[in-house]
PDB file of N, CA and C in Angstrom:
ATOM      1  N   UNK A   1     110.748  83.733  94.540  1.00  0.00           N
ATOM      2  CA  UNK A   1     109.795  83.499  93.476  1.00  0.00           C
ATOM      3  C   UNK A   1     110.401  82.585  92.414  1.00  0.00           C
ATOM      4  N   UNK A   2     111.659  82.864  92.050  1.00  0.00           N
ATOM      5  CA  UNK A   2     112.294  82.044  91.018  1.00  0.00           C
ATOM      6  C   UNK A   2     112.392  80.583  91.451  1.00  0.00           C
ATOM      7  N   UNK A   3     112.745  80.370  92.723  1.00  0.00           N
ATOM      8  CA  UNK A   3     112.878  78.998  93.221  1.00  0.00           C
ATOM      9  C   UNK A   3     111.534  78.286  93.222  1.00  0.00           C
ATOM     10  N   UNK A   4     110.484  78.988  93.594  1.00  0.00           N
ATOM     11  CA  UNK A   4     109.148  78.389  93.620  1.00  0.00           C
ATOM     12  C   UNK A   4     108.689  78.040  92.212  1.00  0.00           C
ATOM     13  N   UNK A   5     108.871  78.965  91.278  1.00  0.00           N
ATOM     14  CA  UNK A   5     108.413  78.720  89.908  1.00  0.00           C
ATOM     15  C   UNK A   5     109.267  77.672  89.195  1.00  0.00           C
ATOM     16  N   UNK A   6     110.554  77.595  89.529  1.00  0.00           N
ATOM     17  CA  UNK A   6     111.416  76.593  88.899  1.00  0.00           C
ATOM     18  C   UNK A   6     111.111  75.187  89.422  1.00  0.00           C
ATOM     19  N   UNK A   7     110.930  75.075  90.741  1.00  0.00           N
ATOM     20  CA  UNK A   7     110.703  73.766  91.348  1.00  0.00           C
ATOM     21  C   UNK A   7     109.231  73.373  91.395  1.00  0.00           C
ATOM     22  N   UNK A   8     108.345  74.346  91.322  1.00  0.00           N
ATOM     23  CA  UNK A   8     106.923  74.065  91.437  1.00  0.00           C
ATOM     24  C   UNK A   8     106.399  74.284  92.840  1.00  0.00           C
ATOM     25  N   UNK A   9     107.242  74.011  93.850  1.00  0.00           N
ATOM     26  CA  UNK A   9     106.860  74.254  95.236  1.00  0.00           C
ATOM     27  C   UNK A   9     108.119  74.377  96.087  1.00  0.00           C
ATOM     28  N   UNK A  10     107.933  74.908  97.287  1.00  0.00           N
ATOM     29  CA  UNK A  10     109.052  75.125  98.199  1.00  0.00           C
ATOM     30  C   UNK A  10     108.564  74.893  99.619  1.00  0.00           C
ATOM     31  N   UNK A  11     109.242  74.014 100.386  1.00  0.00           N
ATOM     32  CA  UNK A  11     108.816  73.806 101.772  1.00  0.00           C
ATOM     33  C   UNK A  11     109.313  74.942 102.663  1.00  0.00           C
ATOM     34  N   UNK A  12     108.525  75.269 103.687  1.00  0.00           N
ATOM     35  CA  UNK A  12     108.917  76.269 104.679  1.00  0.00           C
ATOM     36  C   UNK A  12     108.812  75.607 106.045  1.00  0.00           C
ATOM     37  N   UNK A  13     109.883  75.678 106.823  1.00  0.00           N
ATOM     38  CA  UNK A  13     109.900  75.085 108.158  1.00  0.00           C
ATOM     39  C   UNK A  13     108.866  75.760 109.056  1.00  0.00           C
ATOM     40  N   UNK A  14     108.370  75.026 110.030  1.00  0.00           N
ATOM     41  CA  UNK A  14     107.312  75.524 110.905  1.00  0.00           C
ATOM     42  C   UNK A  14     107.713  76.791 111.640  1.00  0.00           C
ATOM     43  N   UNK A  15     108.961  76.905 112.040  1.00  0.00           N
ATOM     44  CA  UNK A  15     109.400  78.043 112.848  1.00  0.00           C
ATOM     45  C   UNK A  15     109.943  79.216 112.030  1.00  0.00           C
ATOM     46  N   UNK A  16     109.941  79.134 110.722  1.00  0.00           N
ATOM     47  CA  UNK A  16     110.500  80.181 109.854  1.00  0.00           C
ATOM     48  C   UNK A  16     109.475  81.292 109.594  1.00  0.00           C
ATOM     49  N   UNK A  17     109.330  82.187 110.570  1.00  0.00           N
ATOM     50  CA  UNK A  17     108.306  83.243 110.496  1.00  0.00           C
ATOM     51  C   UNK A  17     108.587  84.272 109.406  1.00  0.00           C
ATOM     52  N   UNK A  18     109.842  84.579 109.138  1.00  0.00           N
ATOM     53  CA  UNK A  18     110.160  85.581 108.109  1.00  0.00           C
ATOM     54  C   UNK A  18     109.727  85.104 106.724  1.00  0.00           C
ATOM     55  N   UNK A  19     110.031  83.859 106.405  1.00  0.00           N
ATOM     56  CA  UNK A  19     109.655  83.323 105.105  1.00  0.00           C
ATOM     57  C   UNK A  19     108.137  83.163 105.010  1.00  0.00           C
ATOM     58  N   UNK A  20     107.510  82.779 106.120  1.00  0.00           N
ATOM     59  CA  UNK A  20     106.055  82.650 106.122  1.00  0.00           C
ATOM     60  C   UNK A  20     105.385  84.010 105.912  1.00  0.00           C
ATOM     61  N   UNK A  21     105.959  85.058 106.475  1.00  0.00           N
ATOM     62  CA  UNK A  21     105.408  86.406 106.277  1.00  0.00           C
ATOM     63  C   UNK A  21     105.480  86.798 104.814  1.00  0.00           C
ATOM     64  N   UNK A  22     106.614  86.553 104.178  1.00  0.00           N
ATOM     65  CA  UNK A  22     106.776  86.867 102.764  1.00  0.00           C
ATOM     66  C   UNK A  22     105.828  86.025 101.904  1.00  0.00           C
ATOM     67  N   UNK A  23     105.717  84.741 102.215  1.00  0.00           N
ATOM     68  CA  UNK A  23     104.824  83.862 101.460  1.00  0.00           C
ATOM     69  C   UNK A  23     103.370  84.302 101.599  1.00  0.00           C
ATOM     70  N   UNK A  24     103.007  84.771 102.779  1.00  0.00           N
ATOM     71  CA  UNK A  24     101.643  85.263 102.997  1.00  0.00           C
ATOM     72  C   UNK A  24     101.361  86.464 102.113  1.00  0.00           C
ATOM     73  N   UNK A  25     102.312  87.367 101.997  1.00  0.00           N
ATOM     74  CA  UNK A  25     102.137  88.538 101.133  1.00  0.00           C
ATOM     75  C   UNK A  25     101.987  88.124  99.675  1.00  0.00           C
ATOM     76  N   UNK A  26     102.784  87.160  99.250  1.00  0.00           N
ATOM     77  CA  UNK A  26     102.685  86.682  97.872  1.00  0.00           C
ATOM     78  C   UNK A  26     101.337  86.013  97.620  1.00  0.00           C
ATOM     79  N   UNK A  27     100.788  85.374  98.647  1.00  0.00           N
ATOM     80  CA  UNK A  27      99.473  84.748  98.527  1.00  0.00           C
ATOM     81  C   UNK A  27      98.383  85.798  98.405  1.00  0.00           C
ATOM     82  N   UNK A  28      98.482  86.848  99.196  1.00  0.00           N
ATOM     83  CA  UNK A  28      97.488  87.920  99.146  1.00  0.00           C
ATOM     84  C   UNK A  28      97.437  88.537  97.754  1.00  0.00           C
ATOM     85  N   UNK A  29      98.591  88.691  97.124  1.00  0.00           N
ATOM     86  CA  UNK A  29      98.646  89.269  95.781  1.00  0.00           C
ATOM     87  C   UNK A  29      98.319  88.248  94.683  1.00  0.00           C
ATOM     88  N   UNK A  30      98.155  86.971  95.052  1.00  0.00           N
ATOM     89  CA  UNK A  30      97.734  85.959  94.102  1.00  0.00           C
ATOM     90  C   UNK A  30      98.841  85.290  93.317  1.00  0.00           C
ATOM     91  N   UNK A  31     100.100  85.448  93.744  1.00  0.00           N
ATOM     92  CA  UNK A  31     101.211  84.842  93.010  1.00  0.00           C
ATOM     93  C   UNK A  31     101.418  83.373  93.345  1.00  0.00           C
ATOM     94  N   UNK A  32     101.146  82.978  94.587  1.00  0.00           N
ATOM     95  CA  UNK A  32     101.381  81.612  95.039  1.00  0.00           C
ATOM     96  C   UNK A  32     100.203  81.137  95.885  1.00  0.00           C
ATOM     97  N   UNK A  33     100.191  79.856  96.192  1.00  0.00           N
ATOM     98  CA  UNK A  33      99.223  79.287  97.132  1.00  0.00           C
ATOM     99  C   UNK A  33      99.991  78.628  98.269  1.00  0.00           C
ATOM    100  N   UNK A  34      99.374  78.586  99.434  1.00  0.00           N
ATOM    101  CA  UNK A  34     100.001  78.007 100.619  1.00  0.00           C
ATOM    102  C   UNK A  34      99.224  76.781 101.076  1.00  0.00           C
ATOM    103  N   UNK A  35      99.970  75.747 101.421  1.00  0.00           N
ATOM    104  CA  UNK A  35      99.391  74.551 102.014  1.00  0.00           C
ATOM    105  C   UNK A  35     100.069  74.317 103.346  1.00  0.00           C
ATOM    106  N   UNK A  36      99.278  74.013 104.368  1.00  0.00           N
ATOM    107  CA  UNK A  36      99.827  73.663 105.670  1.00  0.00           C
ATOM    108  C   UNK A  36     100.001  72.155 105.710  1.00  0.00           C
ATOM    109  N   UNK A  37     101.199  71.683 106.008  1.00  0.00           N
ATOM    110  CA  UNK A  37     101.491  70.249 106.041  1.00  0.00           C
ATOM    111  C   UNK A  37     101.215  69.751 107.453  1.00  0.00           C
ATOM    112  N   UNK A  38     100.231  68.863 107.571  1.00  0.00           N
ATOM    113  CA  UNK A  38      99.837  68.323 108.867  1.00  0.00           C
ATOM    114  C   UNK A  38     100.831  67.261 109.335  1.00  0.00           C
ATOM    115  N   UNK A  39     100.716  66.846 110.554  1.00  0.00           N
ATOM    116  CA  UNK A  39     101.610  65.844 111.136  1.00  0.00           C
ATOM    117  C   UNK A  39     101.586  64.509 110.424  1.00  0.00           C
ATOM    118  N   UNK A  40     100.443  64.153 109.830  1.00  0.00           N
ATOM    119  CA  UNK A  40     100.334  62.871 109.135  1.00  0.00           C
ATOM    120  C   UNK A  40     100.722  62.960 107.659  1.00  0.00           C
ATOM    121  N   UNK A  41     101.193  64.152 107.230  1.00  0.00           N
ATOM    122  CA  UNK A  41     101.637  64.323 105.851  1.00  0.00           C
ATOM    123  C   UNK A  41     100.589  64.880 104.910  1.00  0.00           C
ATOM    124  N   UNK A  42      99.345  64.954 105.349  1.00  0.00           N
ATOM    125  CA  UNK A  42      98.304  65.539 104.502  1.00  0.00           C
ATOM    126  C   UNK A  42      98.466  67.058 104.489  1.00  0.00           C
ATOM    127  N   UNK A  43      97.931  67.676 103.456  1.00  0.00           N
ATOM    128  CA  UNK A  43      98.046  69.128 103.338  1.00  0.00           C
ATOM    129  C   UNK A  43      96.666  69.772 103.370  1.00  0.00           C
ATOM    130  N   UNK A  44      96.634  70.992 103.867  1.00  0.00           N
ATOM    131  CA  UNK A  44      95.398  71.762 103.917  1.00  0.00           C
ATOM    132  C   UNK A  44      95.687  73.128 103.321  1.00  0.00           C
ATOM    133  N   UNK A  45      94.918  73.502 102.301  1.00  0.00           N
ATOM    134  CA  UNK A  45      95.098  74.793 101.632  1.00  0.00           C
ATOM    135  C   UNK A  45      94.751  75.919 102.598  1.00  0.00           C
ATOM    136  N   UNK A  46      95.626  76.896 102.707  1.00  0.00           N
ATOM    137  CA  UNK A  46      95.398  78.043 103.577  1.00  0.00           C
ATOM    138  C   UNK A  46      94.836  79.212 102.784  1.00  0.00           C
ATOM    139  N   UNK A  47      93.876  79.874 103.329  1.00  0.00           N
ATOM    140  CA  UNK A  47      93.386  81.124 102.760  1.00  0.00           C
ATOM    141  C   UNK A  47      94.316  82.233 103.236  1.00  0.00           C
ATOM    142  N   UNK A  48      94.403  83.321 102.483  1.00  0.00           N
ATOM    143  CA  UNK A  48      95.255  84.428 102.933  1.00  0.00           C
ATOM    144  C   UNK A  48      94.896  84.915 104.333  1.00  0.00           C
ATOM    145  N   UNK A  49      93.625  84.924 104.680  1.00  0.00           N
ATOM    146  CA  UNK A  49      93.220  85.379 106.010  1.00  0.00           C
ATOM    147  C   UNK A  49      93.715  84.444 107.106  1.00  0.00           C
ATOM    148  N   UNK A  50      93.842  83.158 106.809  1.00  0.00           N
ATOM    149  CA  UNK A  50      94.385  82.208 107.778  1.00  0.00           C
ATOM    150  C   UNK A  50      95.900  82.332 107.871  1.00  0.00           C
ATOM    151  N   UNK A  51      96.537  82.521 106.732  1.00  0.00           N
ATOM    152  CA  UNK A  51      97.997  82.568 106.684  1.00  0.00           C
ATOM    153  C   UNK A  51      98.557  83.771 107.424  1.00  0.00           C
ATOM    154  N   UNK A  52      97.806  84.853 107.502  1.00  0.00           N
ATOM    155  CA  UNK A  52      98.285  86.063 108.173  1.00  0.00           C
ATOM    156  C   UNK A  52      98.608  85.790 109.632  1.00  0.00           C
ATOM    157  N   UNK A  53      97.948  84.825 110.234  1.00  0.00           N
ATOM    158  CA  UNK A  53      98.161  84.544 111.653  1.00  0.00           C
ATOM    159  C   UNK A  53      99.454  83.774 111.922  1.00  0.00           C
ATOM    160  N   UNK A  54     100.166  83.357 110.882  1.00  0.00           N
ATOM    161  CA  UNK A  54     101.481  82.736 110.985  1.00  0.00           C
ATOM    162  C   UNK A  54     101.593  81.618 112.014  1.00  0.00           C
ATOM    163  N   UNK A  55     100.861  80.578 111.801  1.00  0.00           N
ATOM    164  CA  UNK A  55     100.948  79.428 112.689  1.00  0.00           C
ATOM    165  C   UNK A  55     102.332  78.801 112.594  1.00  0.00           C
ATOM    166  N   UNK A  56     102.960  78.619 113.741  1.00  0.00           N
ATOM    167  CA  UNK A  56     104.255  77.937 113.762  1.00  0.00           C
ATOM    168  C   UNK A  56     104.087  76.475 114.173  1.00  0.00           C
ATOM    169  N   UNK A  57     102.858  76.006 114.218  1.00  0.00           N
ATOM    170  CA  UNK A  57     102.605  74.617 114.613  1.00  0.00           C
ATOM    171  C   UNK A  57     102.967  73.628 113.516  1.00  0.00           C
ATOM    172  N   UNK A  58     102.828  74.037 112.245  1.00  0.00           N
ATOM    173  CA  UNK A  58     103.062  73.121 111.132  1.00  0.00           C
ATOM    174  C   UNK A  58     103.897  73.801 110.049  1.00  0.00           C
ATOM    175  N   UNK A  59     104.672  73.004 109.311  1.00  0.00           N
ATOM    176  CA  UNK A  59     105.377  73.578 108.154  1.00  0.00           C
ATOM    177  C   UNK A  59     104.393  73.871 107.025  1.00  0.00           C
ATOM    178  N   UNK A  60     104.823  74.698 106.112  1.00  0.00           N
ATOM    179  CA  UNK A  60     104.004  75.072 104.954  1.00  0.00           C
ATOM    180  C   UNK A  60     104.679  74.616 103.677  1.00  0.00           C
ATOM    181  N   UNK A  61     103.906  74.551 102.622  1.00  0.00           N
ATOM    182  CA  UNK A  61     104.433  74.335 101.277  1.00  0.00           C
ATOM    183  C   UNK A  61     103.904  75.478 100.414  1.00  0.00           C
ATOM    184  N   UNK A  62     104.814  76.213  99.806  1.00  0.00           N
ATOM    185  CA  UNK A  62     104.450  77.305  98.912  1.00  0.00           C
ATOM    186  C   UNK A  62     104.519  76.762  97.494  1.00  0.00           C
ATOM    187  N   UNK A  63     103.450  76.942  96.737  1.00  0.00           N
ATOM    188  CA  UNK A  63     103.394  76.435  95.368  1.00  0.00           C
ATOM    189  C   UNK A  63     102.961  77.539  94.422  1.00  0.00           C
ATOM    190  N   UNK A  64     103.416  77.430  93.193  1.00  0.00           N
ATOM    191  CA  UNK A  64     102.953  78.409  92.210  1.00  0.00           C
ATOM    192  C   UNK A  64     101.495  78.124  91.882  1.00  0.00           C
ATOM    193  N   UNK A  65     100.800  79.152  91.597  1.00  0.00           N
ATOM    194  CA  UNK A  65      99.386  79.050  91.235  1.00  0.00           C
ATOM    195  C   UNK A  65      99.305  78.520  89.811  1.00  0.00           C
ATOM    196  N   UNK A  66      98.443  77.542  89.582  1.00  0.00           N
ATOM    197  CA  UNK A  66      98.355  76.963  88.248  1.00  0.00           C
ATOM    198  C   UNK A  66      97.696  77.925  87.267  1.00  0.00           C
ATOM    199  N   UNK A  67      96.755  78.723  87.744  1.00  0.00           N
ATOM    200  CA  UNK A  67      96.096  79.705  86.915  1.00  0.00           C
ATOM    201  C   UNK A  67      95.522  80.776  87.820  1.00  0.00           C
ATOM    202  N   UNK A  68      95.443  81.959  87.319  1.00  0.00           N
ATOM    203  CA  UNK A  68      94.927  83.054  88.126  1.00  0.00           C
ATOM    204  C   UNK A  68      93.464  82.851  88.504  1.00  0.00           C
ATOM    205  N   UNK A  69      92.718  82.154  87.666  1.00  0.00           N
ATOM    206  CA  UNK A  69      91.286  82.013  87.890  1.00  0.00           C
ATOM    207  C   UNK A  69      90.868  80.606  88.295  1.00  0.00           C
ATOM    208  N   UNK A  70      91.791  79.792  88.736  1.00  0.00           N
ATOM    209  CA  UNK A  70      91.468  78.434  89.128  1.00  0.00           C
ATOM    210  C   UNK A  70      90.709  78.422  90.453  1.00  0.00           C
ATOM    211  N   UNK A  71      89.657  77.622  90.515  1.00  0.00           N
ATOM    212  CA  UNK A  71      88.913  77.425  91.750  1.00  0.00           C
ATOM    213  C   UNK A  71      88.923  75.938  92.044  1.00  0.00           C
ATOM    214  N   UNK A  72      89.419  75.575  93.225  1.00  0.00           N
ATOM    215  CA  UNK A  72      89.482  74.166  93.603  1.00  0.00           C
ATOM    216  C   UNK A  72      88.095  73.660  93.954  1.00  0.00           C
ATOM    217  N   UNK A  73      87.979  72.354  94.016  1.00  0.00           N
ATOM    218  CA  UNK A  73      86.754  71.739  94.504  1.00  0.00           C
ATOM    219  C   UNK A  73      86.764  71.622  96.016  1.00  0.00           C
ATOM    220  N   UNK A  74      87.849  72.096  96.663  1.00  0.00           N
ATOM    221  CA  UNK A  74      87.986  72.001  98.112  1.00  0.00           C
ATOM    222  C   UNK A  74      87.312  73.147  98.846  1.00  0.00           C
ATOM    223  N   UNK A  75      86.683  74.065  98.125  1.00  0.00           N
ATOM    224  CA  UNK A  75      86.035  75.196  98.778  1.00  0.00           C
ATOM    225  C   UNK A  75      84.784  74.751  99.519  1.00  0.00           C
ATOM    226  N   UNK A  76      84.527  75.365 100.673  1.00  0.00           N
ATOM    227  CA  UNK A  76      83.259  75.089 101.350  1.00  0.00           C
ATOM    228  C   UNK A  76      82.092  75.531 100.465  1.00  0.00           C
ATOM    229  N   UNK A  77      80.957  74.893 100.620  1.00  0.00           N
ATOM    230  CA  UNK A  77      79.811  75.208  99.762  1.00  0.00           C
ATOM    231  C   UNK A  77      79.400  76.673  99.889  1.00  0.00           C
ATOM    232  N   UNK A  78      79.637  77.285 101.037  1.00  0.00           N
ATOM    233  CA  UNK A  78      79.282  78.695 101.207  1.00  0.00           C
ATOM    234  C   UNK A  78      80.164  79.609 100.365  1.00  0.00           C
ATOM    235  N   UNK A  79      81.374  79.173 100.023  1.00  0.00           N
ATOM    236  CA  UNK A  79      82.295  80.003  99.248  1.00  0.00           C
ATOM    237  C   UNK A  79      82.182  79.774  97.747  1.00  0.00           C
ATOM    238  N   UNK A  80      81.611  78.661  97.321  1.00  0.00           N
ATOM    239  CA  UNK A  80      81.512  78.357  95.892  1.00  0.00           C
ATOM    240  C   UNK A  80      80.725  79.435  95.170  1.00  0.00           C
ATOM    241  N   UNK A  81      79.694  79.974  95.825  1.00  0.00           N
ATOM    242  CA  UNK A  81      78.881  81.015  95.203  1.00  0.00           C
ATOM    243  C   UNK A  81      79.686  82.270  94.882  1.00  0.00           C
ATOM    244  N   UNK A  82      80.729  82.534  95.666  1.00  0.00           N
ATOM    245  CA  UNK A  82      81.568  83.698  95.425  1.00  0.00           C
ATOM    246  C   UNK A  82      82.276  83.623  94.077  1.00  0.00           C
ATOM    247  N   UNK A  83      82.569  82.397  93.628  1.00  0.00           N
ATOM    248  CA  UNK A  83      83.322  82.192  92.408  1.00  0.00           C
ATOM    249  C   UNK A  83      82.454  81.642  91.272  1.00  0.00           C
ATOM    250  N   UNK A  84      81.180  81.635  91.455  1.00  0.00           N
ATOM    251  CA  UNK A  84      80.277  81.015  90.486  1.00  0.00           C
ATOM    252  C   UNK A  84      80.457  81.598  89.084  1.00  0.00           C
ATOM    253  N   UNK A  85      80.639  82.886  88.963  1.00  0.00           N
ATOM    254  CA  UNK A  85      80.755  83.493  87.632  1.00  0.00           C
ATOM    255  C   UNK A  85      82.059  83.116  86.944  1.00  0.00           C
ATOM    256  N   UNK A  86      83.072  82.654  87.698  1.00  0.00           N
ATOM    257  CA  UNK A  86      84.354  82.301  87.111  1.00  0.00           C
ATOM    258  C   UNK A  86      84.423  80.833  86.695  1.00  0.00           C
ATOM    259  N   UNK A  87      83.509  80.011  87.187  1.00  0.00           N
ATOM    260  CA  UNK A  87      83.566  78.580  86.864  1.00  0.00           C
ATOM    261  C   UNK A  87      83.138  78.340  85.424  1.00  0.00           C
ATOM    262  N   UNK A  88      83.860  77.447  84.764  1.00  0.00           N
ATOM    263  CA  UNK A  88      83.546  77.153  83.360  1.00  0.00           C
ATOM    264  C   UNK A  88      82.643  75.950  83.251  1.00  0.00           C
TER     265      UNK A  88
END
């Protein structure tokens, strides 16, 4: 946690299942966010339900959450309604 908060983010190798398991737990509790780094360098935000499956196909980037109530614009339109009351 200290390393993530000090640096802002921390890369996790694709095959590092132990660290991915810990990062998934931290995501479920809302402390960090996970991004899957694709082969072309682009990133895709992982939901906790996706992260539980521990894909070893791609490395991850663990980042500190900017705010507890932040909602990205990357959410599917079906999920935006879930957070409608939190949007400012």
